[in-house]
Amino acid sequence: MDNVVAVRLIGFVGWLLDLYSWVIIAAALITWVSPDPRNPIVVFLRRATEPVLEPVRRLLPPWRTAGLDLSPVIVLIAIQFVQRVVLPSLY
């Protein structure tokens, strides 16, 4: 019975990571259109993604300031690594 619970928990974590990936993609896309910062969707996307993206931005080299923010790409790659390598090894 414990094995079934563990498998479902791992599946749920994978599902949450999928959902968070889409939130990061939406947040990255919305920055291209200069949205109203008071829009509830924009507020939600920033609150949901900035705690993860900001530390990654601080680790990036200064050339990032040229208008190219690679932090969403790096976080998405990390999520893919967890989903494809870490979670399957837990089964």
C-alpha atoms as a PDB file:
ATOM      1  CA  MET A   1       0.000   0.000   0.000  1.00  0.00           C
ATOM      2  CA  ASP A   2       2.865   2.403   0.766  1.00  0.00           C
ATOM      3  CA  ASN A   3       4.271   1.866  -2.719  1.00  0.00           C
ATOM      4  CA  VAL A   4       0.993   3.000  -4.288  1.00  0.00           C
ATOM      5  CA  VAL A   5       1.011   6.163  -2.182  1.00  0.00           C
ATOM      6  CA  ALA A   6       4.619   6.892  -3.148  1.00  0.00           C
ATOM      7  CA  VAL A   7       3.876   6.418  -6.847  1.00  0.00           C
ATOM      8  CA  ARG A   8       0.865   8.726  -6.640  1.00  0.00           C
ATOM      9  CA  LEU A   9       2.856  11.320  -4.719  1.00  0.00           C
ATOM     10  CA  ILE A  10       5.621  11.248  -7.323  1.00  0.00           C
ATOM     11  CA  GLY A  11       3.007  11.566 -10.063  1.00  0.00           C
ATOM     12  CA  PHE A  12       1.443  14.515  -8.267  1.00  0.00           C
ATOM     13  CA  VAL A  13       4.820  16.243  -7.946  1.00  0.00           C
ATOM     14  CA  GLY A  14       5.370  15.699 -11.668  1.00  0.00           C
ATOM     15  CA  TRP A  15       1.959  17.215 -12.393  1.00  0.00           C
ATOM     16  CA  LEU A  16       2.763  20.246 -10.192  1.00  0.00           C
ATOM     17  CA  LEU A  17       6.048  20.724 -12.032  1.00  0.00           C
ATOM     18  CA  ASP A  18       4.172  20.597 -15.357  1.00  0.00           C
ATOM     19  CA  LEU A  19       1.735  23.215 -14.121  1.00  0.00           C
ATOM     20  CA  TYR A  20       4.535  25.444 -12.818  1.00  0.00           C
ATOM     21  CA  SER A  21       6.323  25.154 -16.166  1.00  0.00           C
ATOM     22  CA  TRP A  22       3.251  26.606 -17.885  1.00  0.00           C
ATOM     23  CA  VAL A  23       3.079  29.407 -15.318  1.00  0.00           C
ATOM     24  CA  ILE A  24       6.728  30.279 -16.051  1.00  0.00           C
ATOM     25  CA  ILE A  25       6.062  30.228 -19.802  1.00  0.00           C
ATOM     26  CA  ALA A  26       3.039  32.501 -19.362  1.00  0.00           C
ATOM     27  CA  ALA A  27       5.037  34.890 -17.181  1.00  0.00           C
ATOM     28  CA  ALA A  28       7.841  35.033 -19.748  1.00  0.00           C
ATOM     29  CA  LEU A  29       5.448  35.621 -22.624  1.00  0.00           C
ATOM     30  CA  ILE A  30       3.526  38.340 -20.827  1.00  0.00           C
ATOM     31  CA  THR A  31       6.700  40.388 -20.351  1.00  0.00           C
ATOM     32  CA  TRP A  32       6.864  40.862 -24.130  1.00  0.00           C
ATOM     33  CA  VAL A  33       3.681  42.979 -24.217  1.00  0.00           C
ATOM     34  CA  SER A  34       4.279  45.493 -21.376  1.00  0.00           C
ATOM     35  CA  PRO A  35       1.208  44.525 -19.351  1.00  0.00           C
ATOM     36  CA  ASP A  36      -0.518  46.639 -16.739  1.00  0.00           C
ATOM     37  CA  PRO A  37       1.348  45.758 -13.508  1.00  0.00           C
ATOM     38  CA  ARG A  38      -1.908  45.969 -11.522  1.00  0.00           C
ATOM     39  CA  ASN A  39      -3.664  43.355 -13.654  1.00  0.00           C
ATOM     40  CA  PRO A  40      -4.559  40.411 -11.359  1.00  0.00           C
ATOM     41  CA  ILE A  41      -3.140  37.868 -13.800  1.00  0.00           C
ATOM     42  CA  VAL A  42       0.151  39.756 -14.027  1.00  0.00           C
ATOM     43  CA  VAL A  43       0.299  40.081 -10.238  1.00  0.00           C
ATOM     44  CA  PHE A  44      -0.320  36.335  -9.847  1.00  0.00           C
ATOM     45  CA  LEU A  45       2.318  35.398 -12.433  1.00  0.00           C
ATOM     46  CA  ARG A  46       4.936  37.623 -10.837  1.00  0.00           C
ATOM     47  CA  ARG A  47       4.190  36.387  -7.317  1.00  0.00           C
ATOM     48  CA  ALA A  48       4.308  32.782  -8.474  1.00  0.00           C
ATOM     49  CA  THR A  49       7.522  33.002 -10.490  1.00  0.00           C
ATOM     50  CA  GLU A  50       9.754  35.709  -9.019  1.00  0.00           C
ATOM     51  CA  PRO A  51      10.788  33.705  -5.910  1.00  0.00           C
ATOM     52  CA  VAL A  52      12.307  31.116  -8.263  1.00  0.00           C
ATOM     53  CA  LEU A  53      13.473  33.316 -11.137  1.00  0.00           C
ATOM     54  CA  GLU A  54      15.143  36.094  -9.116  1.00  0.00           C
ATOM     55  CA  PRO A  55      17.877  33.897  -7.520  1.00  0.00           C
ATOM     56  CA  VAL A  56      18.647  32.466 -10.971  1.00  0.00           C
ATOM     57  CA  ARG A  57      18.905  35.998 -12.408  1.00  0.00           C
ATOM     58  CA  ARG A  58      21.423  36.915  -9.708  1.00  0.00           C
ATOM     59  CA  LEU A  59      23.618  33.985 -10.753  1.00  0.00           C
ATOM     60  CA  LEU A  60      23.643  34.954 -14.432  1.00  0.00           C
ATOM     61  CA  PRO A  61      26.524  36.978 -15.878  1.00  0.00           C
ATOM     62  CA  PRO A  62      26.146  40.718 -16.565  1.00  0.00           C
ATOM     63  CA  TRP A  63      25.457  40.264 -20.291  1.00  0.00           C
ATOM     64  CA  ARG A  64      21.914  39.369 -19.261  1.00  0.00           C
ATOM     65  CA  THR A  65      21.232  43.085 -18.832  1.00  0.00           C
ATOM     66  CA  ALA A  66      21.302  43.506 -22.607  1.00  0.00           C
ATOM     67  CA  GLY A  67      17.595  42.666 -22.567  1.00  0.00           C
ATOM     68  CA  LEU A  68      17.921  38.894 -22.696  1.00  0.00           C
ATOM     69  CA  ASP A  69      16.608  37.169 -19.569  1.00  0.00           C
ATOM     70  CA  LEU A  70      17.510  33.508 -19.659  1.00  0.00           C
ATOM     71  CA  SER A  71      16.302  32.715 -16.149  1.00  0.00           C
ATOM     72  CA  PRO A  72      12.972  31.192 -17.312  1.00  0.00           C
ATOM     73  CA  VAL A  73      14.837  28.923 -19.737  1.00  0.00           C
ATOM     74  CA  ILE A  74      17.256  27.795 -17.035  1.00  0.00           C
ATOM     75  CA  VAL A  75      14.427  27.078 -14.590  1.00  0.00           C
ATOM     76  CA  LEU A  76      12.486  25.170 -17.256  1.00  0.00           C
ATOM     77  CA  ILE A  77      15.567  23.061 -18.008  1.00  0.00           C
ATOM     78  CA  ALA A  78      15.956  22.338 -14.288  1.00  0.00           C
ATOM     79  CA  ILE A  79      12.296  21.305 -14.058  1.00  0.00           C
ATOM     80  CA  GLN A  80      12.742  19.000 -17.059  1.00  0.00           C
ATOM     81  CA  PHE A  81      15.790  17.452 -15.386  1.00  0.00           C
ATOM     82  CA  VAL A  82      13.812  16.773 -12.220  1.00  0.00           C
ATOM     83  CA  GLN A  83      10.914  15.313 -14.193  1.00  0.00           C
ATOM     84  CA  ARG A  84      12.996  13.120 -16.493  1.00  0.00           C
ATOM     85  CA  VAL A  85      15.857  12.061 -14.216  1.00  0.00           C
ATOM     86  CA  VAL A  86      15.065  12.572 -10.546  1.00  0.00           C
ATOM     87  CA  LEU A  87      11.395  11.552 -10.356  1.00  0.00           C
ATOM     88  CA  PRO A  88      11.758   8.355 -12.428  1.00  0.00           C
ATOM     89  CA  SER A  89      14.677   7.271 -10.229  1.00  0.00           C
ATOM     90  CA  LEU A  90      12.376   7.518  -7.205  1.00  0.00           C
ATOM     91  CA  TYR A  91      10.055   4.838  -8.578  1.00  0.00           C
END
